[in-house]
Amino acid sequence: MTLASSPSPIRVETGHGDIRTIQPGRTWEQFKHLQKGFENSRGLRLFYYNGTIEILMPGEAHELFKSVIGFLIETFLFHRGIEFKPTGSMTQEKEGIAAAEADESYQIDGYRLSIEVNFTSGDAAKLERYQALGVDEVWMWEDGSLAVYHIQLGPSAQGRYEAVERSGIPALADIDLNQLSACILIGETSRIQAAQQLLAAYPARGY
């Protein structure tokens, strides 16, 4: 990752072809105005939280990995006969507080899952956004491995995310994350081989 210097409060981060522009000190109204101006811009993603606007222009590697991860999730769920709703990069919003466009997102048995490929900014700010949006689970792909964060409910947890070794979404809980990470890397060159290796470890269930 490289960080471009600028005399303005706006930062530009680049990594693996991604360009992320970070604009602190912005209002929700400014975000909505910007969002309207970019509504026909394909591929570009907008985020807002805690007075900061982020604009992501994903590079080829980013789009490849997010696509491979989504493909493997959908292949696994189809193999298990589990219904799901793919919601892609749709805008998830909580008025005046937070907005995000995940790389991929799903609704599975009442759970909300968001997936992020991370080539620039760290996890913390992204997790805070999704916490404000009440997303049940966030998957982060970074440096060749997958980290999974599940929201913890209850009086003491206060809706914070905790890193988990297995998904907290029952439909995905059987997946070994190290094995899935290996399959994602295989998928960089062959989706067929990636899917074959993943499914070989998990017997299909009846429909």
N, C-alpha and C. Protein backbone atom coordinates (compact mmCIF):
# COMPACT_ATOMS: atom_id res chain seq x y z
N MET A 1 0.84 -1.19 0.00
CA MET A 1 0.00 0.00 0.00
C MET A 1 0.88 1.24 0.00
N THR A 2 0.51 2.24 -0.81
CA THR A 2 1.21 3.51 -0.79
C THR A 2 0.23 4.60 -0.41
N LEU A 3 0.74 5.63 0.22
CA LEU A 3 -0.11 6.72 0.69
C LEU A 3 0.36 8.00 0.01
N ALA A 4 -0.52 8.60 -0.81
CA ALA A 4 -0.15 9.80 -1.53
C ALA A 4 -0.28 11.01 -0.61
N SER A 5 0.77 11.85 -0.58
CA SER A 5 0.73 13.04 0.27
C SER A 5 -0.07 14.14 -0.40
N SER A 6 -0.73 14.96 0.39
CA SER A 6 -1.55 16.04 -0.15
C SER A 6 -1.67 17.12 0.91
N PRO A 7 -1.63 18.39 0.49
CA PRO A 7 -1.77 19.46 1.47
C PRO A 7 -3.20 19.59 1.98
N SER A 8 -4.18 18.99 1.30
CA SER A 8 -5.57 19.09 1.70
C SER A 8 -5.90 17.97 2.68
N PRO A 9 -7.06 18.06 3.38
CA PRO A 9 -7.44 16.98 4.30
C PRO A 9 -7.85 15.72 3.56
N ILE A 10 -7.99 15.78 2.26
CA ILE A 10 -8.36 14.60 1.48
C ILE A 10 -7.13 13.70 1.31
N ARG A 11 -7.29 12.40 1.60
CA ARG A 11 -6.21 11.44 1.41
C ARG A 11 -6.54 10.53 0.24
N VAL A 12 -5.50 10.09 -0.44
CA VAL A 12 -5.66 9.11 -1.51
C VAL A 12 -4.76 7.93 -1.22
N GLU A 13 -5.35 6.74 -1.11
CA GLU A 13 -4.60 5.52 -0.86
C GLU A 13 -4.68 4.64 -2.10
N THR A 14 -3.58 3.99 -2.44
CA THR A 14 -3.58 3.09 -3.58
C THR A 14 -2.97 1.75 -3.17
N GLY A 15 -3.42 0.69 -3.83
CA GLY A 15 -2.88 -0.64 -3.57
C GLY A 15 -3.46 -1.64 -4.53
N HIS A 16 -2.59 -2.36 -5.25
CA HIS A 16 -3.02 -3.41 -6.19
C HIS A 16 -4.04 -2.89 -7.20
N GLY A 17 -3.88 -1.65 -7.64
CA GLY A 17 -4.79 -1.09 -8.63
C GLY A 17 -5.98 -0.36 -8.05
N ASP A 18 -6.23 -0.50 -6.74
CA ASP A 18 -7.34 0.22 -6.10
C ASP A 18 -6.94 1.68 -5.87
N ILE A 19 -7.92 2.55 -5.96
CA ILE A 19 -7.73 3.95 -5.58
C ILE A 19 -8.86 4.30 -4.61
N ARG A 20 -8.49 4.66 -3.39
CA ARG A 20 -9.48 5.02 -2.37
C ARG A 20 -9.24 6.46 -1.93
N THR A 21 -10.26 7.30 -2.11
CA THR A 21 -10.20 8.70 -1.69
C THR A 21 -10.97 8.86 -0.40
N ILE A 22 -10.33 9.44 0.62
CA ILE A 22 -10.92 9.57 1.95
C ILE A 22 -11.07 11.05 2.26
N GLN A 23 -12.31 11.46 2.52
CA GLN A 23 -12.62 12.87 2.75
C GLN A 23 -13.23 13.03 4.15
N PRO A 24 -12.44 13.41 5.14
CA PRO A 24 -12.98 13.63 6.49
C PRO A 24 -13.70 14.97 6.59
N GLY A 25 -14.42 15.15 7.69
CA GLY A 25 -15.09 16.43 7.93
C GLY A 25 -16.23 16.72 7.01
N ARG A 26 -16.95 15.67 6.57
CA ARG A 26 -18.07 15.85 5.65
C ARG A 26 -19.39 15.54 6.36
N THR A 27 -20.46 16.09 5.86
CA THR A 27 -21.78 15.87 6.44
C THR A 27 -22.53 14.79 5.66
N TRP A 28 -23.58 14.29 6.28
CA TRP A 28 -24.45 13.32 5.61
C TRP A 28 -25.06 13.95 4.35
N GLU A 29 -25.43 15.21 4.43
CA GLU A 29 -26.03 15.90 3.28
C GLU A 29 -25.03 15.98 2.12
N GLN A 30 -23.77 16.24 2.43
CA GLN A 30 -22.75 16.26 1.38
C GLN A 30 -22.58 14.87 0.76
N PHE A 31 -22.64 13.85 1.60
CA PHE A 31 -22.54 12.48 1.10
C PHE A 31 -23.69 12.18 0.14
N LYS A 32 -24.92 12.52 0.53
CA LYS A 32 -26.08 12.22 -0.31
C LYS A 32 -26.00 12.98 -1.64
N HIS A 33 -25.49 14.20 -1.61
CA HIS A 33 -25.33 14.97 -2.84
C HIS A 33 -24.30 14.29 -3.75
N LEU A 34 -23.21 13.84 -3.17
CA LEU A 34 -22.18 13.14 -3.94
C LEU A 34 -22.72 11.82 -4.48
N GLN A 35 -23.46 11.13 -3.66
CA GLN A 35 -24.05 9.85 -4.06
C GLN A 35 -24.95 10.01 -5.27
N LYS A 36 -25.74 11.06 -5.26
CA LYS A 36 -26.64 11.32 -6.39
C LYS A 36 -25.85 11.60 -7.66
N GLY A 37 -24.73 12.31 -7.54
CA GLY A 37 -23.91 12.63 -8.70
C GLY A 37 -23.23 11.42 -9.30
N PHE A 38 -23.01 10.39 -8.47
CA PHE A 38 -22.30 9.19 -8.94
C PHE A 38 -23.23 8.01 -9.19
N GLU A 39 -24.54 8.22 -9.19
CA GLU A 39 -25.47 7.10 -9.22
C GLU A 39 -25.39 6.27 -10.50
N ASN A 40 -24.85 6.83 -11.57
CA ASN A 40 -24.71 6.07 -12.82
C ASN A 40 -23.27 5.65 -13.09
N SER A 41 -22.41 5.76 -12.07
CA SER A 41 -21.00 5.40 -12.25
C SER A 41 -20.81 3.93 -11.88
N ARG A 42 -20.63 3.10 -12.89
CA ARG A 42 -20.51 1.66 -12.66
C ARG A 42 -19.15 1.32 -12.03
N GLY A 43 -19.18 0.44 -11.03
CA GLY A 43 -17.96 -0.03 -10.41
C GLY A 43 -17.48 0.80 -9.24
N LEU A 44 -17.77 2.09 -9.26
CA LEU A 44 -17.32 2.98 -8.17
C LEU A 44 -18.20 2.77 -6.95
N ARG A 45 -17.60 2.76 -5.74
CA ARG A 45 -18.35 2.51 -4.52
C ARG A 45 -18.15 3.63 -3.52
N LEU A 46 -19.24 3.97 -2.82
CA LEU A 46 -19.24 5.07 -1.86
C LEU A 46 -19.55 4.57 -0.46
N PHE A 47 -18.91 5.22 0.53
CA PHE A 47 -19.10 4.85 1.93
C PHE A 47 -19.17 6.12 2.77
N TYR A 48 -19.89 6.01 3.88
CA TYR A 48 -19.96 7.14 4.83
C TYR A 48 -20.05 6.59 6.24
N TYR A 49 -19.25 7.20 7.13
CA TYR A 49 -19.38 6.91 8.56
C TYR A 49 -18.60 7.95 9.35
N ASN A 50 -19.21 8.42 10.43
CA ASN A 50 -18.53 9.29 11.39
C ASN A 50 -17.92 10.52 10.70
N GLY A 51 -18.68 11.12 9.78
CA GLY A 51 -18.23 12.35 9.14
C GLY A 51 -17.19 12.16 8.05
N THR A 52 -16.95 10.94 7.63
CA THR A 52 -15.96 10.68 6.59
C THR A 52 -16.60 10.00 5.39
N ILE A 53 -16.31 10.55 4.21
CA ILE A 53 -16.75 9.96 2.95
C ILE A 53 -15.57 9.22 2.34
N GLU A 54 -15.82 8.01 1.86
CA GLU A 54 -14.80 7.26 1.12
C GLU A 54 -15.34 6.92 -0.26
N ILE A 55 -14.47 7.08 -1.25
CA ILE A 55 -14.80 6.73 -2.63
C ILE A 55 -13.79 5.69 -3.09
N LEU A 56 -14.26 4.53 -3.49
CA LEU A 56 -13.38 3.46 -3.93
C LEU A 56 -13.54 3.21 -5.42
N MET A 57 -12.42 3.25 -6.13
CA MET A 57 -12.37 2.81 -7.52
C MET A 57 -11.57 1.51 -7.53
N PRO A 58 -12.25 0.35 -7.56
CA PRO A 58 -11.55 -0.93 -7.44
C PRO A 58 -10.77 -1.28 -8.70
N GLY A 59 -9.60 -1.88 -8.50
CA GLY A 59 -8.79 -2.34 -9.61
C GLY A 59 -9.16 -3.75 -10.02
N GLU A 60 -8.43 -4.26 -11.01
CA GLU A 60 -8.74 -5.58 -11.56
C GLU A 60 -8.59 -6.69 -10.52
N ALA A 61 -7.53 -6.64 -9.71
CA ALA A 61 -7.31 -7.68 -8.70
C ALA A 61 -8.44 -7.69 -7.67
N HIS A 62 -8.89 -6.50 -7.28
CA HIS A 62 -9.99 -6.37 -6.32
C HIS A 62 -11.25 -7.06 -6.86
N GLU A 63 -11.59 -6.75 -8.10
CA GLU A 63 -12.81 -7.31 -8.70
C GLU A 63 -12.68 -8.81 -8.89
N LEU A 64 -11.46 -9.28 -9.20
CA LEU A 64 -11.25 -10.71 -9.36
C LEU A 64 -11.50 -11.46 -8.06
N PHE A 65 -10.89 -10.99 -6.97
CA PHE A 65 -11.02 -11.71 -5.70
C PHE A 65 -12.43 -11.64 -5.14
N LYS A 66 -13.09 -10.49 -5.26
CA LYS A 66 -14.46 -10.41 -4.74
C LYS A 66 -15.38 -11.34 -5.53
N SER A 67 -15.10 -11.47 -6.82
CA SER A 67 -15.90 -12.36 -7.66
C SER A 67 -15.66 -13.82 -7.30
N VAL A 68 -14.41 -14.20 -7.06
CA VAL A 68 -14.08 -15.57 -6.70
C VAL A 68 -14.71 -15.95 -5.36
N ILE A 69 -14.64 -15.05 -4.38
CA ILE A 69 -15.23 -15.33 -3.07
C ILE A 69 -16.74 -15.53 -3.19
N GLY A 70 -17.40 -14.64 -3.91
CA GLY A 70 -18.83 -14.78 -4.11
C GLY A 70 -19.19 -16.06 -4.83
N PHE A 71 -18.41 -16.40 -5.85
CA PHE A 71 -18.64 -17.63 -6.61
C PHE A 71 -18.54 -18.86 -5.71
N LEU A 72 -17.53 -18.90 -4.85
CA LEU A 72 -17.35 -20.07 -3.98
C LEU A 72 -18.45 -20.16 -2.93
N ILE A 73 -18.87 -19.03 -2.38
CA ILE A 73 -19.99 -19.05 -1.43
C ILE A 73 -21.25 -19.59 -2.09
N GLU A 74 -21.56 -19.08 -3.26
CA GLU A 74 -22.78 -19.49 -3.96
C GLU A 74 -22.70 -20.96 -4.38
N THR A 75 -21.52 -21.40 -4.81
CA THR A 75 -21.34 -22.80 -5.18
C THR A 75 -21.56 -23.71 -3.98
N PHE A 76 -21.01 -23.31 -2.83
CA PHE A 76 -21.17 -24.11 -1.61
C PHE A 76 -22.65 -24.19 -1.21
N LEU A 77 -23.34 -23.05 -1.22
CA LEU A 77 -24.74 -23.03 -0.80
C LEU A 77 -25.62 -23.84 -1.76
N PHE A 78 -25.35 -23.74 -3.06
CA PHE A 78 -26.09 -24.55 -4.03
C PHE A 78 -25.84 -26.03 -3.79
N HIS A 79 -24.58 -26.38 -3.53
CA HIS A 79 -24.19 -27.77 -3.26
C HIS A 79 -24.93 -28.32 -2.04
N ARG A 80 -25.17 -27.47 -1.06
CA ARG A 80 -25.86 -27.89 0.16
C ARG A 80 -27.39 -27.74 0.06
N GLY A 81 -27.87 -27.21 -1.04
CA GLY A 81 -29.31 -27.04 -1.20
C GLY A 81 -29.89 -25.97 -0.30
N ILE A 82 -29.13 -24.89 -0.09
CA ILE A 82 -29.54 -23.82 0.81
C ILE A 82 -29.91 -22.59 -0.01
N GLU A 83 -31.11 -22.09 0.18
CA GLU A 83 -31.55 -20.88 -0.52
C GLU A 83 -30.85 -19.65 0.05
N PHE A 84 -30.61 -18.68 -0.81
CA PHE A 84 -29.98 -17.43 -0.38
C PHE A 84 -30.39 -16.33 -1.35
N LYS A 85 -30.20 -15.10 -0.89
CA LYS A 85 -30.50 -13.94 -1.72
C LYS A 85 -29.22 -13.13 -1.93
N PRO A 86 -28.68 -13.13 -3.16
CA PRO A 86 -27.50 -12.31 -3.41
C PRO A 86 -27.90 -10.84 -3.55
N THR A 87 -27.25 -9.96 -2.81
CA THR A 87 -27.59 -8.54 -2.86
C THR A 87 -26.41 -7.69 -3.35
N GLY A 88 -25.33 -8.35 -3.78
CA GLY A 88 -24.23 -7.68 -4.46
C GLY A 88 -23.67 -6.48 -3.73
N SER A 89 -23.51 -5.38 -4.49
CA SER A 89 -22.96 -4.15 -3.92
C SER A 89 -24.05 -3.12 -3.64
N MET A 90 -25.26 -3.59 -3.36
CA MET A 90 -26.34 -2.65 -3.09
C MET A 90 -25.98 -1.75 -1.91
N THR A 91 -26.50 -0.54 -1.92
CA THR A 91 -26.23 0.40 -0.83
C THR A 91 -26.96 -0.02 0.43
N GLN A 92 -26.21 -0.17 1.51
CA GLN A 92 -26.79 -0.42 2.83
C GLN A 92 -26.66 0.89 3.61
N GLU A 93 -27.76 1.35 4.16
CA GLU A 93 -27.78 2.71 4.69
C GLU A 93 -28.55 2.81 5.99
N LYS A 94 -28.04 3.63 6.89
CA LYS A 94 -28.77 4.04 8.08
C LYS A 94 -28.75 5.55 8.09
N GLU A 95 -29.90 6.14 7.88
CA GLU A 95 -30.04 7.58 7.62
C GLU A 95 -29.22 8.43 8.60
N GLY A 96 -28.35 9.25 8.03
CA GLY A 96 -27.59 10.19 8.81
C GLY A 96 -26.40 9.62 9.56
N ILE A 97 -26.22 8.29 9.50
CA ILE A 97 -25.18 7.65 10.31
C ILE A 97 -24.14 6.93 9.47
N ALA A 98 -24.59 6.02 8.62
CA ALA A 98 -23.63 5.20 7.88
C ALA A 98 -24.22 4.73 6.57
N ALA A 99 -23.33 4.51 5.61
CA ALA A 99 -23.71 3.91 4.33
C ALA A 99 -22.52 3.12 3.81
N ALA A 100 -22.79 1.99 3.17
CA ALA A 100 -21.72 1.15 2.65
C ALA A 100 -22.20 0.42 1.41
N GLU A 101 -21.26 0.16 0.52
CA GLU A 101 -21.49 -0.69 -0.64
C GLU A 101 -20.44 -1.79 -0.61
N ALA A 102 -20.81 -2.92 -0.05
CA ALA A 102 -19.86 -4.03 0.08
C ALA A 102 -19.45 -4.55 -1.29
N ASP A 103 -18.35 -5.28 -1.33
CA ASP A 103 -17.96 -5.92 -2.59
C ASP A 103 -18.99 -6.97 -3.00
N GLU A 104 -19.44 -7.75 -2.05
CA GLU A 104 -20.53 -8.70 -2.23
C GLU A 104 -21.33 -8.73 -0.94
N SER A 105 -22.61 -9.03 -1.04
CA SER A 105 -23.42 -9.19 0.17
C SER A 105 -24.52 -10.21 -0.10
N TYR A 106 -24.98 -10.82 0.99
CA TYR A 106 -25.98 -11.88 0.90
C TYR A 106 -26.94 -11.81 2.08
N GLN A 107 -28.13 -12.33 1.86
CA GLN A 107 -29.06 -12.63 2.95
C GLN A 107 -29.26 -14.14 2.94
N ILE A 108 -28.90 -14.78 4.06
CA ILE A 108 -28.92 -16.24 4.14
C ILE A 108 -29.66 -16.64 5.42
N ASP A 109 -30.82 -17.22 5.27
CA ASP A 109 -31.60 -17.69 6.43
C ASP A 109 -31.79 -16.58 7.47
N GLY A 110 -32.04 -15.37 6.99
CA GLY A 110 -32.30 -14.25 7.89
C GLY A 110 -31.05 -13.52 8.37
N TYR A 111 -29.87 -14.01 8.03
CA TYR A 111 -28.61 -13.34 8.38
C TYR A 111 -28.14 -12.47 7.22
N ARG A 112 -27.48 -11.37 7.56
CA ARG A 112 -26.89 -10.48 6.56
C ARG A 112 -25.38 -10.62 6.59
N LEU A 113 -24.81 -10.92 5.43
CA LEU A 113 -23.37 -11.11 5.27
C LEU A 113 -22.83 -10.09 4.28
N SER A 114 -21.75 -9.41 4.66
CA SER A 114 -21.06 -8.48 3.76
C SER A 114 -19.61 -8.93 3.59
N ILE A 115 -19.10 -8.77 2.38
CA ILE A 115 -17.74 -9.21 2.05
C ILE A 115 -16.95 -8.02 1.54
N GLU A 116 -15.73 -7.86 2.05
CA GLU A 116 -14.84 -6.77 1.65
C GLU A 116 -13.48 -7.34 1.26
N VAL A 117 -12.97 -6.89 0.11
CA VAL A 117 -11.59 -7.14 -0.29
C VAL A 117 -10.79 -5.92 0.13
N ASN A 118 -9.73 -6.12 0.89
CA ASN A 118 -9.02 -5.01 1.52
C ASN A 118 -7.60 -4.89 0.97
N PHE A 119 -7.39 -3.92 0.09
CA PHE A 119 -6.07 -3.63 -0.44
C PHE A 119 -5.53 -2.28 0.04
N THR A 120 -6.37 -1.51 0.76
CA THR A 120 -5.93 -0.17 1.18
C THR A 120 -6.18 0.01 2.67
N SER A 121 -7.30 0.66 3.05
CA SER A 121 -7.55 1.00 4.45
C SER A 121 -7.71 -0.24 5.32
N GLY A 122 -7.36 -0.11 6.61
CA GLY A 122 -7.47 -1.21 7.55
C GLY A 122 -8.90 -1.59 7.89
N ASP A 123 -9.02 -2.67 8.67
CA ASP A 123 -10.33 -3.25 8.97
C ASP A 123 -11.19 -2.41 9.89
N ALA A 124 -10.57 -1.70 10.84
CA ALA A 124 -11.32 -1.11 11.95
C ALA A 124 -12.45 -0.20 11.49
N ALA A 125 -12.16 0.76 10.62
CA ALA A 125 -13.19 1.71 10.18
C ALA A 125 -14.30 0.99 9.42
N LYS A 126 -13.92 0.00 8.63
CA LYS A 126 -14.93 -0.74 7.86
C LYS A 126 -15.86 -1.50 8.80
N LEU A 127 -15.30 -2.12 9.82
CA LEU A 127 -16.14 -2.86 10.77
C LEU A 127 -17.07 -1.92 11.53
N GLU A 128 -16.60 -0.74 11.87
CA GLU A 128 -17.45 0.22 12.57
C GLU A 128 -18.64 0.62 11.71
N ARG A 129 -18.41 0.79 10.41
CA ARG A 129 -19.52 1.10 9.50
C ARG A 129 -20.57 0.00 9.52
N TYR A 130 -20.11 -1.25 9.37
CA TYR A 130 -21.05 -2.36 9.32
C TYR A 130 -21.73 -2.60 10.67
N GLN A 131 -21.02 -2.29 11.74
CA GLN A 131 -21.64 -2.39 13.07
C GLN A 131 -22.80 -1.41 13.16
N ALA A 132 -22.59 -0.18 12.68
CA ALA A 132 -23.66 0.82 12.71
C ALA A 132 -24.84 0.39 11.84
N LEU A 133 -24.56 -0.38 10.80
CA LEU A 133 -25.62 -0.84 9.89
C LEU A 133 -26.28 -2.12 10.38
N GLY A 134 -25.73 -2.73 11.43
CA GLY A 134 -26.34 -3.93 11.99
C GLY A 134 -26.15 -5.18 11.15
N VAL A 135 -25.07 -5.23 10.36
CA VAL A 135 -24.79 -6.42 9.54
C VAL A 135 -24.31 -7.54 10.46
N ASP A 136 -24.85 -8.75 10.28
CA ASP A 136 -24.54 -9.85 11.19
C ASP A 136 -23.10 -10.32 11.10
N GLU A 137 -22.57 -10.36 9.88
CA GLU A 137 -21.22 -10.91 9.72
C GLU A 137 -20.51 -10.21 8.57
N VAL A 138 -19.20 -9.99 8.76
CA VAL A 138 -18.36 -9.37 7.74
C VAL A 138 -17.16 -10.27 7.46
N TRP A 139 -16.92 -10.54 6.17
CA TRP A 139 -15.75 -11.29 5.75
C TRP A 139 -14.77 -10.32 5.12
N MET A 140 -13.51 -10.36 5.56
CA MET A 140 -12.45 -9.49 5.04
C MET A 140 -11.36 -10.34 4.40
N TRP A 141 -11.10 -10.09 3.12
CA TRP A 141 -10.02 -10.76 2.41
C TRP A 141 -8.83 -9.81 2.34
N GLU A 142 -7.70 -10.21 2.91
CA GLU A 142 -6.52 -9.36 2.93
C GLU A 142 -5.27 -10.22 3.03
N ASP A 143 -4.27 -9.89 2.22
CA ASP A 143 -2.96 -10.57 2.26
C ASP A 143 -3.09 -12.08 2.14
N GLY A 144 -3.99 -12.53 1.27
CA GLY A 144 -4.10 -13.95 0.97
C GLY A 144 -4.82 -14.79 2.00
N SER A 145 -5.52 -14.16 2.93
CA SER A 145 -6.28 -14.93 3.92
C SER A 145 -7.61 -14.24 4.22
N LEU A 146 -8.51 -15.03 4.75
CA LEU A 146 -9.86 -14.56 5.03
C LEU A 146 -10.08 -14.44 6.52
N ALA A 147 -10.52 -13.28 6.98
CA ALA A 147 -10.88 -13.07 8.39
C ALA A 147 -12.39 -12.88 8.47
N VAL A 148 -13.00 -13.51 9.44
CA VAL A 148 -14.46 -13.46 9.60
C VAL A 148 -14.79 -12.82 10.94
N TYR A 149 -15.69 -11.84 10.91
CA TYR A 149 -16.11 -11.12 12.11
C TYR A 149 -17.62 -11.26 12.25
N HIS A 150 -18.05 -11.79 13.41
CA HIS A 150 -19.48 -11.98 13.65
C HIS A 150 -19.92 -11.03 14.76
N ILE A 151 -21.07 -10.41 14.58
CA ILE A 151 -21.55 -9.44 15.56
C ILE A 151 -21.99 -10.16 16.83
N GLN A 152 -21.60 -9.61 17.96
CA GLN A 152 -21.93 -10.20 19.26
C GLN A 152 -23.05 -9.40 19.91
N LEU A 153 -24.12 -10.07 20.25
CA LEU A 153 -25.28 -9.41 20.84
C LEU A 153 -25.32 -9.65 22.34
N GLY A 154 -26.17 -8.91 23.01
CA GLY A 154 -26.28 -9.05 24.46
C GLY A 154 -25.83 -7.79 25.16
N PRO A 155 -26.17 -7.64 26.45
CA PRO A 155 -25.89 -6.40 27.20
C PRO A 155 -24.41 -6.03 27.24
N SER A 156 -23.53 -7.00 27.38
CA SER A 156 -22.11 -6.69 27.51
C SER A 156 -21.41 -6.53 26.16
N ALA A 157 -21.93 -7.18 25.12
CA ALA A 157 -21.27 -7.17 23.81
C ALA A 157 -21.48 -5.86 23.07
N GLN A 158 -22.64 -5.22 23.26
CA GLN A 158 -22.96 -3.93 22.64
C GLN A 158 -22.85 -3.97 21.12
N GLY A 159 -23.15 -5.10 20.53
CA GLY A 159 -23.17 -5.21 19.08
C GLY A 159 -21.82 -5.11 18.41
N ARG A 160 -20.75 -5.42 19.13
CA ARG A 160 -19.42 -5.36 18.54
C ARG A 160 -19.11 -6.65 17.78
N TYR A 161 -18.15 -6.54 16.85
CA TYR A 161 -17.71 -7.72 16.11
C TYR A 161 -16.58 -8.43 16.85
N GLU A 162 -16.59 -9.74 16.70
CA GLU A 162 -15.51 -10.56 17.26
C GLU A 162 -14.99 -11.46 16.14
N ALA A 163 -13.67 -11.54 16.01
CA ALA A 163 -13.08 -12.45 15.04
C ALA A 163 -13.39 -13.88 15.44
N VAL A 164 -13.86 -14.68 14.51
CA VAL A 164 -14.27 -16.06 14.79
C VAL A 164 -13.53 -17.02 13.86
N GLU A 165 -13.37 -18.25 14.31
CA GLU A 165 -12.67 -19.26 13.51
C GLU A 165 -13.60 -19.93 12.50
N ARG A 166 -14.89 -19.85 12.74
CA ARG A 166 -15.90 -20.37 11.81
C ARG A 166 -17.02 -19.35 11.70
N SER A 167 -17.69 -19.34 10.57
CA SER A 167 -18.80 -18.42 10.39
C SER A 167 -19.86 -18.65 11.46
N GLY A 168 -20.45 -17.55 11.93
CA GLY A 168 -21.57 -17.63 12.87
C GLY A 168 -22.90 -17.78 12.16
N ILE A 169 -22.88 -17.82 10.83
CA ILE A 169 -24.09 -18.06 10.05
C ILE A 169 -24.22 -19.57 9.87
N PRO A 170 -25.27 -20.19 10.42
CA PRO A 170 -25.35 -21.66 10.42
C PRO A 170 -25.13 -22.30 9.06
N ALA A 171 -25.62 -21.70 7.99
CA ALA A 171 -25.49 -22.28 6.66
C ALA A 171 -24.04 -22.35 6.19
N LEU A 172 -23.16 -21.51 6.78
CA LEU A 172 -21.76 -21.46 6.36
C LEU A 172 -20.80 -21.97 7.43
N ALA A 173 -21.34 -22.40 8.56
CA ALA A 173 -20.51 -22.72 9.72
C ALA A 173 -19.60 -23.93 9.51
N ASP A 174 -19.92 -24.80 8.56
CA ASP A 174 -19.09 -25.98 8.33
C ASP A 174 -17.80 -25.65 7.59
N ILE A 175 -17.73 -24.50 6.95
CA ILE A 175 -16.58 -24.19 6.09
C ILE A 175 -15.34 -23.91 6.94
N ASP A 176 -14.25 -24.61 6.63
CA ASP A 176 -12.96 -24.34 7.24
C ASP A 176 -12.36 -23.12 6.54
N LEU A 177 -12.11 -22.05 7.28
CA LEU A 177 -11.70 -20.79 6.65
C LEU A 177 -10.31 -20.87 6.03
N ASN A 178 -9.41 -21.67 6.61
CA ASN A 178 -8.09 -21.84 6.01
C ASN A 178 -8.21 -22.55 4.66
N GLN A 179 -9.07 -23.55 4.63
CA GLN A 179 -9.29 -24.27 3.38
C GLN A 179 -9.93 -23.36 2.33
N LEU A 180 -10.89 -22.56 2.77
CA LEU A 180 -11.54 -21.63 1.84
C LEU A 180 -10.55 -20.61 1.31
N SER A 181 -9.66 -20.12 2.18
CA SER A 181 -8.64 -19.17 1.73
C SER A 181 -7.77 -19.79 0.64
N ALA A 182 -7.40 -21.06 0.83
CA ALA A 182 -6.59 -21.75 -0.19
C ALA A 182 -7.35 -21.87 -1.50
N CYS A 183 -8.65 -22.14 -1.41
CA CYS A 183 -9.47 -22.25 -2.62
C CYS A 183 -9.60 -20.91 -3.33
N ILE A 184 -9.69 -19.84 -2.56
CA ILE A 184 -9.78 -18.50 -3.16
C ILE A 184 -8.52 -18.20 -3.96
N LEU A 185 -7.36 -18.56 -3.41
CA LEU A 185 -6.10 -18.34 -4.12
C LEU A 185 -6.04 -19.18 -5.39
N ILE A 186 -6.54 -20.42 -5.33
CA ILE A 186 -6.61 -21.26 -6.53
C ILE A 186 -7.52 -20.61 -7.56
N GLY A 187 -8.62 -20.02 -7.09
CA GLY A 187 -9.59 -19.39 -7.97
C GLY A 187 -9.05 -18.20 -8.74
N GLU A 188 -7.89 -17.68 -8.31
CA GLU A 188 -7.27 -16.58 -9.05
C GLU A 188 -6.91 -17.02 -10.46
N THR A 189 -6.62 -18.31 -10.62
CA THR A 189 -6.26 -18.83 -11.94
C THR A 189 -7.26 -19.84 -12.49
N SER A 190 -8.00 -20.54 -11.60
CA SER A 190 -8.97 -21.53 -12.08
C SER A 190 -10.15 -21.63 -11.12
N ARG A 191 -11.28 -21.15 -11.53
CA ARG A 191 -12.48 -21.29 -10.69
C ARG A 191 -12.94 -22.73 -10.62
N ILE A 192 -12.76 -23.46 -11.70
CA ILE A 192 -13.19 -24.86 -11.72
C ILE A 192 -12.43 -25.65 -10.66
N GLN A 193 -11.09 -25.52 -10.64
CA GLN A 193 -10.30 -26.24 -9.65
C GLN A 193 -10.62 -25.77 -8.24
N ALA A 194 -10.86 -24.48 -8.06
CA ALA A 194 -11.20 -23.94 -6.74
C ALA A 194 -12.50 -24.55 -6.23
N ALA A 195 -13.51 -24.61 -7.08
CA ALA A 195 -14.81 -25.17 -6.68
C ALA A 195 -14.69 -26.66 -6.42
N GLN A 196 -13.94 -27.37 -7.26
CA GLN A 196 -13.78 -28.82 -7.07
C GLN A 196 -13.11 -29.13 -5.74
N GLN A 197 -12.09 -28.36 -5.40
CA GLN A 197 -11.38 -28.61 -4.13
C GLN A 197 -12.26 -28.28 -2.94
N LEU A 198 -13.04 -27.21 -3.02
CA LEU A 198 -13.92 -26.86 -1.91
C LEU A 198 -14.99 -27.92 -1.71
N LEU A 199 -15.66 -28.31 -2.78
CA LEU A 199 -16.80 -29.21 -2.66
C LEU A 199 -16.38 -30.63 -2.30
N ALA A 200 -15.15 -31.01 -2.65
CA ALA A 200 -14.69 -32.36 -2.33
C ALA A 200 -14.66 -32.61 -0.82
N ALA A 201 -14.53 -31.54 -0.06
CA ALA A 201 -14.44 -31.68 1.40
C ALA A 201 -15.80 -31.71 2.09
N TYR A 202 -16.87 -31.39 1.36
CA TYR A 202 -18.18 -31.26 1.99
C TYR A 202 -19.23 -32.04 1.21
N PRO A 203 -19.82 -33.06 1.85
CA PRO A 203 -20.87 -33.83 1.14
C PRO A 203 -22.10 -32.98 0.92
N ALA A 204 -22.74 -33.23 -0.20
CA ALA A 204 -23.98 -32.51 -0.51
C ALA A 204 -25.08 -32.98 0.42
N ARG A 205 -26.02 -32.09 0.68
CA ARG A 205 -27.19 -32.43 1.49
C ARG A 205 -28.42 -32.46 0.61
N GLY A 206 -29.42 -33.19 1.05
CA GLY A 206 -30.64 -33.32 0.27
C GLY A 206 -31.38 -32.01 0.14
N TYR A 207 -32.08 -31.83 -0.95
CA TYR A 207 -32.87 -30.61 -1.18
C TYR A 207 -34.19 -30.72 -0.46
